[in-house]
Amino acid sequence: MTKVFTPELVDAAVAKHGRGELRRRLLPARLVVYFVLGLCLFARESYEEVIRMLTSGIPGTRALARVNRSSLCRARVRLGAEVLETVFRQVAGPLAVPETPGAWWRGLSLLALDGTQFDVPDSVGNGDTFDDPSTGGTPFGFPQVRAAVLAEIGTHAILDAGLGRLPGRRTAPGLPAGRLDKPRGSRHRRPRVLVGRIRPRLHHVRRPSAGQAPIQPPRYHSGGVA
């Protein structure tokens, strides 16, 4: 993990957003960044187990074995989302090389824009910012956040991502239904930027002129491009 997310990169993101420690803490900001990344890698494990796996065998970390879930939650709140977004944008980017199967078409990089949604904890802040699923207008379950992701097809590398409300419900005045709304109190504007980045690429793919043979997209199989 530290080969991709180097300590220098993490420390720079922490300093950029002023999340450095004013006093010595058992859970410093750098460790909390790696802890959150570990939660993504080991999504089925508990908070305590993830911190144990990250620090096991490192001298001077015995005290972390006694850290409870509430302390880890407070550490995440202190860190904030901006640090993790900065870390992500420092490492996100294309990984395909000219030989990567399925990554190119007529010299153009093949990208995919897709969306999914996730349940988030049923807190007051999440309930005010995001929407619950509903049937016939009656909400139920946990609030949900919509994620839009721009990915490289050949490698599945994430190039960009954005978070927002589910489209079409309780959108802010003046915004058309279906657009990802910006959560209150955040700086997320990524869905709009995602579309802006994709359009210039699409303009390079033009329809054949009259009399020209139709351009056939590549066919895929388990071994790559046919």
C-alpha atoms as a PDB file:
ATOM      1  CA  MET A   1       0.000   0.000   0.000  1.00  0.00           C
ATOM      2  CA  THR A   2       2.789   2.429   0.856  1.00  0.00           C
ATOM      3  CA  LYS A   3       4.368   1.872  -2.578  1.00  0.00           C
ATOM      4  CA  VAL A   4       1.346   3.496  -4.248  1.00  0.00           C
ATOM      5  CA  PHE A   5       0.236   5.812  -1.429  1.00  0.00           C
ATOM      6  CA  THR A   6       3.665   6.909  -0.249  1.00  0.00           C
ATOM      7  CA  PRO A   7       4.061   8.514   3.189  1.00  0.00           C
ATOM      8  CA  GLU A   8       5.242  11.719   1.483  1.00  0.00           C
ATOM      9  CA  LEU A   9       2.071  11.862  -0.645  1.00  0.00           C
ATOM     10  CA  VAL A  10      -0.158  11.225   2.384  1.00  0.00           C
ATOM     11  CA  ASP A  11       1.656  13.797   4.534  1.00  0.00           C
ATOM     12  CA  ALA A  12       1.340  16.414   1.780  1.00  0.00           C
ATOM     13  CA  ALA A  13      -2.438  15.841   1.576  1.00  0.00           C
ATOM     14  CA  VAL A  14      -2.762  16.068   5.359  1.00  0.00           C
ATOM     15  CA  ALA A  15      -0.764  19.322   5.437  1.00  0.00           C
ATOM     16  CA  LYS A  16      -2.730  20.814   2.530  1.00  0.00           C
ATOM     17  CA  HIS A  17      -5.984  20.586   4.484  1.00  0.00           C
ATOM     18  CA  GLY A  18      -4.514  21.438   7.899  1.00  0.00           C
ATOM     19  CA  ARG A  19      -5.223  18.068   9.486  1.00  0.00           C
ATOM     20  CA  GLY A  20      -1.826  17.634  11.124  1.00  0.00           C
ATOM     21  CA  GLU A  21      -1.628  16.973  14.857  1.00  0.00           C
ATOM     22  CA  LEU A  22      -1.058  19.776  17.350  1.00  0.00           C
ATOM     23  CA  ARG A  23      -0.122  17.160  19.943  1.00  0.00           C
ATOM     24  CA  ARG A  24       1.076  13.585  19.839  1.00  0.00           C
ATOM     25  CA  ARG A  25      -1.826  11.201  19.207  1.00  0.00           C
ATOM     26  CA  LEU A  26      -2.172   7.450  19.274  1.00  0.00           C
ATOM     27  CA  LEU A  27      -3.964   7.722  15.908  1.00  0.00           C
ATOM     28  CA  PRO A  28      -2.076  10.324  13.841  1.00  0.00           C
ATOM     29  CA  ALA A  29      -3.548  11.562  10.568  1.00  0.00           C
ATOM     30  CA  ARG A  30      -1.144   9.549   8.410  1.00  0.00           C
ATOM     31  CA  LEU A  31      -2.146   6.296  10.104  1.00  0.00           C
ATOM     32  CA  VAL A  32      -5.843   7.156   9.786  1.00  0.00           C
ATOM     33  CA  VAL A  33      -5.443   7.627   6.016  1.00  0.00           C
ATOM     34  CA  TYR A  34      -3.948   4.146   5.721  1.00  0.00           C
ATOM     35  CA  PHE A  35      -6.639   2.824   8.044  1.00  0.00           C
ATOM     36  CA  VAL A  36      -9.410   4.109   5.742  1.00  0.00           C
ATOM     37  CA  LEU A  37      -7.630   2.637   2.717  1.00  0.00           C
ATOM     38  CA  GLY A  38      -7.426  -0.633   4.647  1.00  0.00           C
ATOM     39  CA  LEU A  39     -11.182  -0.536   5.224  1.00  0.00           C
ATOM     40  CA  CYS A  40     -11.608  -0.506   1.440  1.00  0.00           C
ATOM     41  CA  LEU A  41      -9.302  -3.496   0.991  1.00  0.00           C
ATOM     42  CA  PHE A  42     -10.782  -5.504   3.874  1.00  0.00           C
ATOM     43  CA  ALA A  43     -14.417  -4.428   3.686  1.00  0.00           C
ATOM     44  CA  ARG A  44     -15.695  -7.486   5.562  1.00  0.00           C
ATOM     45  CA  GLU A  45     -13.429  -6.991   8.570  1.00  0.00           C
ATOM     46  CA  SER A  46     -14.145  -4.944  11.689  1.00  0.00           C
ATOM     47  CA  TYR A  47     -12.443  -1.644  12.474  1.00  0.00           C
ATOM     48  CA  GLU A  48     -10.369  -3.298  15.177  1.00  0.00           C
ATOM     49  CA  GLU A  49      -9.243  -6.116  12.903  1.00  0.00           C
ATOM     50  CA  VAL A  50      -8.206  -3.738  10.101  1.00  0.00           C
ATOM     51  CA  ILE A  51      -6.064  -1.595  12.411  1.00  0.00           C
ATOM     52  CA  ARG A  52      -4.521  -4.780  13.824  1.00  0.00           C
ATOM     53  CA  MET A  53      -3.621  -6.048  10.341  1.00  0.00           C
ATOM     54  CA  LEU A  54      -2.117  -2.705   9.367  1.00  0.00           C
ATOM     55  CA  THR A  55       0.095  -2.367  12.442  1.00  0.00           C
ATOM     56  CA  SER A  56       0.878  -5.979  13.353  1.00  0.00           C
ATOM     57  CA  GLY A  57       4.622  -6.474  13.683  1.00  0.00           C
ATOM     58  CA  ILE A  58       5.467  -2.757  13.687  1.00  0.00           C
ATOM     59  CA  PRO A  59       7.520  -1.827  16.788  1.00  0.00           C
ATOM     60  CA  GLY A  60       5.816   0.521  19.233  1.00  0.00           C
ATOM     61  CA  THR A  61       2.234  -0.204  18.118  1.00  0.00           C
ATOM     62  CA  ARG A  62       1.070  -2.458  20.959  1.00  0.00           C
ATOM     63  CA  ALA A  63      -1.173   0.272  22.347  1.00  0.00           C
ATOM     64  CA  LEU A  64      -3.190   0.227  19.113  1.00  0.00           C
ATOM     65  CA  ALA A  65      -4.414  -3.259  19.984  1.00  0.00           C
ATOM     66  CA  ARG A  66      -6.552  -1.629  22.707  1.00  0.00           C
ATOM     67  CA  VAL A  67      -8.064   1.059  20.456  1.00  0.00           C
ATOM     68  CA  ASN A  68     -11.844   0.670  20.246  1.00  0.00           C
ATOM     69  CA  ARG A  69     -14.234   1.362  17.414  1.00  0.00           C
ATOM     70  CA  SER A  70     -15.446   4.715  18.759  1.00  0.00           C
ATOM     71  CA  SER A  71     -11.887   6.091  18.854  1.00  0.00           C
ATOM     72  CA  LEU A  72     -11.361   5.014  15.248  1.00  0.00           C
ATOM     73  CA  CYS A  73     -14.644   6.654  14.225  1.00  0.00           C
ATOM     74  CA  ARG A  74     -13.639   9.944  15.878  1.00  0.00           C
ATOM     75  CA  ALA A  75     -10.256   9.766  14.143  1.00  0.00           C
ATOM     76  CA  ARG A  76     -11.987   9.466  10.762  1.00  0.00           C
ATOM     77  CA  VAL A  77     -14.155  12.488  11.546  1.00  0.00           C
ATOM     78  CA  ARG A  78     -11.067  14.542  12.505  1.00  0.00           C
ATOM     79  CA  LEU A  79      -9.361  13.587   9.257  1.00  0.00           C
ATOM     80  CA  GLY A  80     -12.262  14.561   7.013  1.00  0.00           C
ATOM     81  CA  ALA A  81     -13.072  13.588   3.445  1.00  0.00           C
ATOM     82  CA  GLU A  82     -10.972  16.275   1.743  1.00  0.00           C
ATOM     83  CA  VAL A  83      -7.675  14.597   2.634  1.00  0.00           C
ATOM     84  CA  LEU A  84      -8.764  11.285   1.129  1.00  0.00           C
ATOM     85  CA  GLU A  85     -10.072  12.986  -2.013  1.00  0.00           C
ATOM     86  CA  THR A  86      -6.707  14.710  -2.480  1.00  0.00           C
ATOM     87  CA  VAL A  87      -4.865  11.404  -2.022  1.00  0.00           C
ATOM     88  CA  PHE A  88      -7.161   9.766  -4.579  1.00  0.00           C
ATOM     89  CA  ARG A  89      -6.637  12.482  -7.182  1.00  0.00           C
ATOM     90  CA  GLN A  90      -2.870  12.255  -6.771  1.00  0.00           C
ATOM     91  CA  VAL A  91      -2.800   8.580  -7.757  1.00  0.00           C
ATOM     92  CA  ALA A  92      -5.852   8.162 -10.031  1.00  0.00           C
ATOM     93  CA  GLY A  93      -4.974   7.949 -13.703  1.00  0.00           C
ATOM     94  CA  PRO A  94      -4.700   5.689 -16.754  1.00  0.00           C
ATOM     95  CA  LEU A  95      -2.697   2.476 -16.466  1.00  0.00           C
ATOM     96  CA  ALA A  96      -3.061   1.004 -19.959  1.00  0.00           C
ATOM     97  CA  VAL A  97       0.006   0.591 -22.168  1.00  0.00           C
ATOM     98  CA  PRO A  98      -0.108   0.126 -25.981  1.00  0.00           C
ATOM     99  CA  GLU A  99      -0.135  -3.663 -25.514  1.00  0.00           C
ATOM    100  CA  THR A 100      -3.053  -3.752 -23.038  1.00  0.00           C
ATOM    101  CA  PRO A 101      -5.893  -5.849 -24.551  1.00  0.00           C
ATOM    102  CA  GLY A 102      -9.225  -4.058 -24.846  1.00  0.00           C
ATOM    103  CA  ALA A 103      -7.871  -0.639 -23.817  1.00  0.00           C
ATOM    104  CA  TRP A 104      -7.694   1.023 -27.250  1.00  0.00           C
ATOM    105  CA  TRP A 105      -9.766   1.502 -30.368  1.00  0.00           C
ATOM    106  CA  ARG A 106      -8.181   3.125 -33.438  1.00  0.00           C
ATOM    107  CA  GLY A 107      -5.677   4.860 -31.206  1.00  0.00           C
ATOM    108  CA  LEU A 108      -8.282   6.160 -28.756  1.00  0.00           C
ATOM    109  CA  SER A 109      -8.481   5.192 -25.103  1.00  0.00           C
ATOM    110  CA  LEU A 110     -11.675   3.303 -24.279  1.00  0.00           C
ATOM    111  CA  LEU A 111     -13.404   4.644 -21.156  1.00  0.00           C
ATOM    112  CA  ALA A 112     -16.634   3.774 -19.380  1.00  0.00           C
ATOM    113  CA  LEU A 113     -18.887   5.999 -17.301  1.00  0.00           C
ATOM    114  CA  ASP A 114     -21.003   4.027 -14.871  1.00  0.00           C
ATOM    115  CA  GLY A 115     -22.945   4.606 -11.698  1.00  0.00           C
ATOM    116  CA  THR A 116     -23.928   2.698  -8.599  1.00  0.00           C
ATOM    117  CA  GLN A 117     -25.352   3.480  -5.181  1.00  0.00           C
ATOM    118  CA  PHE A 118     -24.437   2.663  -1.612  1.00  0.00           C
ATOM    119  CA  ASP A 119     -26.252   2.620   1.704  1.00  0.00           C
ATOM    120  CA  VAL A 120     -24.831   5.032   4.274  1.00  0.00           C
ATOM    121  CA  PRO A 121     -25.413   5.144   8.055  1.00  0.00           C
ATOM    122  CA  ASP A 122     -28.809   6.448   9.106  1.00  0.00           C
ATOM    123  CA  SER A 123     -27.498   9.606  10.790  1.00  0.00           C
ATOM    124  CA  VAL A 124     -29.138  13.033  10.892  1.00  0.00           C
ATOM    125  CA  GLY A 125     -26.454  14.513   8.625  1.00  0.00           C
ATOM    126  CA  ASN A 126     -26.756  11.735   6.044  1.00  0.00           C
ATOM    127  CA  GLY A 127     -30.538  11.911   6.173  1.00  0.00           C
ATOM    128  CA  ASP A 128     -30.500  15.664   5.505  1.00  0.00           C
ATOM    129  CA  THR A 129     -27.974  15.356   2.666  1.00  0.00           C
ATOM    130  CA  PHE A 130     -28.956  12.157   0.877  1.00  0.00           C
ATOM    131  CA  ASP A 131     -32.258  10.470   0.053  1.00  0.00           C
ATOM    132  CA  ASP A 132     -33.822   7.236   1.236  1.00  0.00           C
ATOM    133  CA  PRO A 133     -35.010   4.658  -1.300  1.00  0.00           C
ATOM    134  CA  SER A 134     -38.764   4.847  -1.772  1.00  0.00           C
ATOM    135  CA  THR A 135     -41.688   2.893  -3.163  1.00  0.00           C
ATOM    136  CA  GLY A 136     -44.654   4.939  -4.286  1.00  0.00           C
ATOM    137  CA  GLY A 137     -43.194   7.991  -2.577  1.00  0.00           C
ATOM    138  CA  THR A 138     -42.841   6.273   0.801  1.00  0.00           C
ATOM    139  CA  PRO A 139     -39.185   6.266   1.972  1.00  0.00           C
ATOM    140  CA  PHE A 140     -37.678   3.195   3.625  1.00  0.00           C
ATOM    141  CA  GLY A 141     -34.262   1.828   4.572  1.00  0.00           C
ATOM    142  CA  PHE A 142     -30.999   3.718   4.892  1.00  0.00           C
ATOM    143  CA  PRO A 143     -30.057   6.931   3.041  1.00  0.00           C
ATOM    144  CA  GLN A 144     -28.278   6.216  -0.210  1.00  0.00           C
ATOM    145  CA  VAL A 145     -25.502   7.988  -2.079  1.00  0.00           C
ATOM    146  CA  ARG A 146     -25.048   7.730  -5.846  1.00  0.00           C
ATOM    147  CA  ALA A 147     -21.512   7.263  -7.178  1.00  0.00           C
ATOM    148  CA  ALA A 148     -20.541   8.105 -10.775  1.00  0.00           C
ATOM    149  CA  VAL A 149     -17.231   6.588 -11.886  1.00  0.00           C
ATOM    150  CA  LEU A 150     -15.082   7.095 -14.978  1.00  0.00           C
ATOM    151  CA  ALA A 151     -12.927   4.011 -15.594  1.00  0.00           C
ATOM    152  CA  GLU A 152     -10.481   2.687 -18.143  1.00  0.00           C
ATOM    153  CA  ILE A 153     -12.037  -0.347 -19.852  1.00  0.00           C
ATOM    154  CA  GLY A 154      -8.859  -2.317 -20.461  1.00  0.00           C
ATOM    155  CA  THR A 155      -7.542  -2.112 -16.893  1.00  0.00           C
ATOM    156  CA  HIS A 156     -10.577  -1.030 -14.807  1.00  0.00           C
ATOM    157  CA  ALA A 157      -8.414   1.805 -13.447  1.00  0.00           C
ATOM    158  CA  ILE A 158     -10.509   4.587 -11.920  1.00  0.00           C
ATOM    159  CA  LEU A 159      -9.791   7.949 -13.556  1.00  0.00           C
ATOM    160  CA  ASP A 160     -12.384  10.051 -11.770  1.00  0.00           C
ATOM    161  CA  ALA A 161     -15.361   9.700  -9.450  1.00  0.00           C
ATOM    162  CA  GLY A 162     -18.091  11.788  -7.902  1.00  0.00           C
ATOM    163  CA  LEU A 163     -20.732  11.407  -5.204  1.00  0.00           C
ATOM    164  CA  GLY A 164     -24.216  12.882  -4.954  1.00  0.00           C
ATOM    165  CA  ARG A 165     -27.884  12.310  -4.285  1.00  0.00           C
ATOM    166  CA  LEU A 166     -30.060   9.836  -6.093  1.00  0.00           C
ATOM    167  CA  PRO A 167     -31.412  11.599  -9.199  1.00  0.00           C
ATOM    168  CA  GLY A 168     -34.931  12.867  -9.441  1.00  0.00           C
ATOM    169  CA  ARG A 169     -35.792  13.232  -5.728  1.00  0.00           C
ATOM    170  CA  ARG A 170     -35.469  16.326  -3.558  1.00  0.00           C
ATOM    171  CA  THR A 171     -32.994  18.008  -5.874  1.00  0.00           C
ATOM    172  CA  ALA A 172     -32.078  21.588  -5.128  1.00  0.00           C
ATOM    173  CA  PRO A 173     -34.223  24.343  -6.718  1.00  0.00           C
ATOM    174  CA  GLY A 174     -33.041  25.247 -10.193  1.00  0.00           C
ATOM    175  CA  LEU A 175     -31.388  21.878 -10.890  1.00  0.00           C
ATOM    176  CA  PRO A 176     -33.095  19.581 -13.400  1.00  0.00           C
ATOM    177  CA  ALA A 177     -34.173  16.176 -12.143  1.00  0.00           C
ATOM    178  CA  GLY A 178     -31.588  13.502 -12.806  1.00  0.00           C
ATOM    179  CA  ARG A 179     -28.484  15.606 -12.228  1.00  0.00           C
ATOM    180  CA  LEU A 180     -26.290  14.630  -9.309  1.00  0.00           C
ATOM    181  CA  ASP A 181     -26.839  17.285  -6.683  1.00  0.00           C
ATOM    182  CA  LYS A 182     -23.934  18.625  -4.621  1.00  0.00           C
ATOM    183  CA  PRO A 183     -24.239  17.501  -0.970  1.00  0.00           C
ATOM    184  CA  ARG A 184     -24.650  20.335   1.488  1.00  0.00           C
ATOM    185  CA  GLY A 185     -21.431  21.435   3.124  1.00  0.00           C
ATOM    186  CA  SER A 186     -19.180  19.707   0.587  1.00  0.00           C
ATOM    187  CA  ARG A 187     -17.174  20.785  -2.425  1.00  0.00           C
ATOM    188  CA  HIS A 188     -18.058  17.861  -4.705  1.00  0.00           C
ATOM    189  CA  ARG A 189     -18.601  18.985  -8.297  1.00  0.00           C
ATOM    190  CA  ARG A 190     -17.065  15.971  -9.942  1.00  0.00           C
ATOM    191  CA  PRO A 191     -20.045  14.590 -11.942  1.00  0.00           C
ATOM    192  CA  ARG A 192     -20.124  17.780 -14.050  1.00  0.00           C
ATOM    193  CA  VAL A 193     -16.363  17.622 -14.523  1.00  0.00           C
ATOM    194  CA  LEU A 194     -16.624  13.964 -15.506  1.00  0.00           C
ATOM    195  CA  VAL A 195     -18.941  14.779 -18.389  1.00  0.00           C
ATOM    196  CA  GLY A 196     -16.708  17.648 -19.465  1.00  0.00           C
ATOM    197  CA  ARG A 197     -13.718  15.358 -19.633  1.00  0.00           C
ATOM    198  CA  ILE A 198     -15.508  12.686 -21.620  1.00  0.00           C
ATOM    199  CA  ARG A 199     -17.010  14.930 -24.316  1.00  0.00           C
ATOM    200  CA  PRO A 200     -13.704  15.911 -25.978  1.00  0.00           C
ATOM    201  CA  ARG A 201     -12.872  12.218 -26.323  1.00  0.00           C
ATOM    202  CA  LEU A 202     -16.226  11.432 -27.888  1.00  0.00           C
ATOM    203  CA  HIS A 203     -15.799  14.164 -30.489  1.00  0.00           C
ATOM    204  CA  HIS A 204     -12.905  12.202 -31.983  1.00  0.00           C
ATOM    205  CA  VAL A 205     -15.212   9.287 -32.840  1.00  0.00           C
ATOM    206  CA  ARG A 206     -17.106  10.386 -35.956  1.00  0.00           C
ATOM    207  CA  ARG A 207     -19.580   8.639 -38.211  1.00  0.00           C
ATOM    208  CA  PRO A 208     -18.272   7.395 -41.587  1.00  0.00           C
ATOM    209  CA  SER A 209     -18.938   9.643 -44.558  1.00  0.00           C
ATOM    210  CA  ALA A 210     -21.151   8.652 -47.478  1.00  0.00           C
ATOM    211  CA  GLY A 211     -19.790   5.656 -49.345  1.00  0.00           C
ATOM    212  CA  GLN A 212     -17.348   4.765 -46.570  1.00  0.00           C
ATOM    213  CA  ALA A 213     -17.573   1.349 -44.977  1.00  0.00           C
ATOM    214  CA  PRO A 214     -19.100   1.440 -41.492  1.00  0.00           C
ATOM    215  CA  ILE A 215     -16.631   1.499 -38.628  1.00  0.00           C
ATOM    216  CA  GLN A 216     -16.975  -1.693 -36.632  1.00  0.00           C
ATOM    217  CA  PRO A 217     -16.154  -1.605 -32.916  1.00  0.00           C
ATOM    218  CA  PRO A 218     -13.751  -4.260 -31.632  1.00  0.00           C
ATOM    219  CA  ARG A 219     -15.131  -7.618 -30.511  1.00  0.00           C
ATOM    220  CA  TYR A 220     -14.052  -8.940 -27.131  1.00  0.00           C
ATOM    221  CA  HIS A 221     -13.438 -12.415 -25.841  1.00  0.00           C
ATOM    222  CA  SER A 222     -11.688 -13.847 -22.805  1.00  0.00           C
ATOM    223  CA  GLY A 223      -8.253 -13.439 -24.411  1.00  0.00           C
ATOM    224  CA  GLY A 224      -8.638  -9.757 -25.340  1.00  0.00           C
ATOM    225  CA  VAL A 225      -9.636  -8.024 -28.579  1.00  0.00           C
ATOM    226  CA  ALA A 226     -10.743 -10.281 -31.442  1.00  0.00           C
END
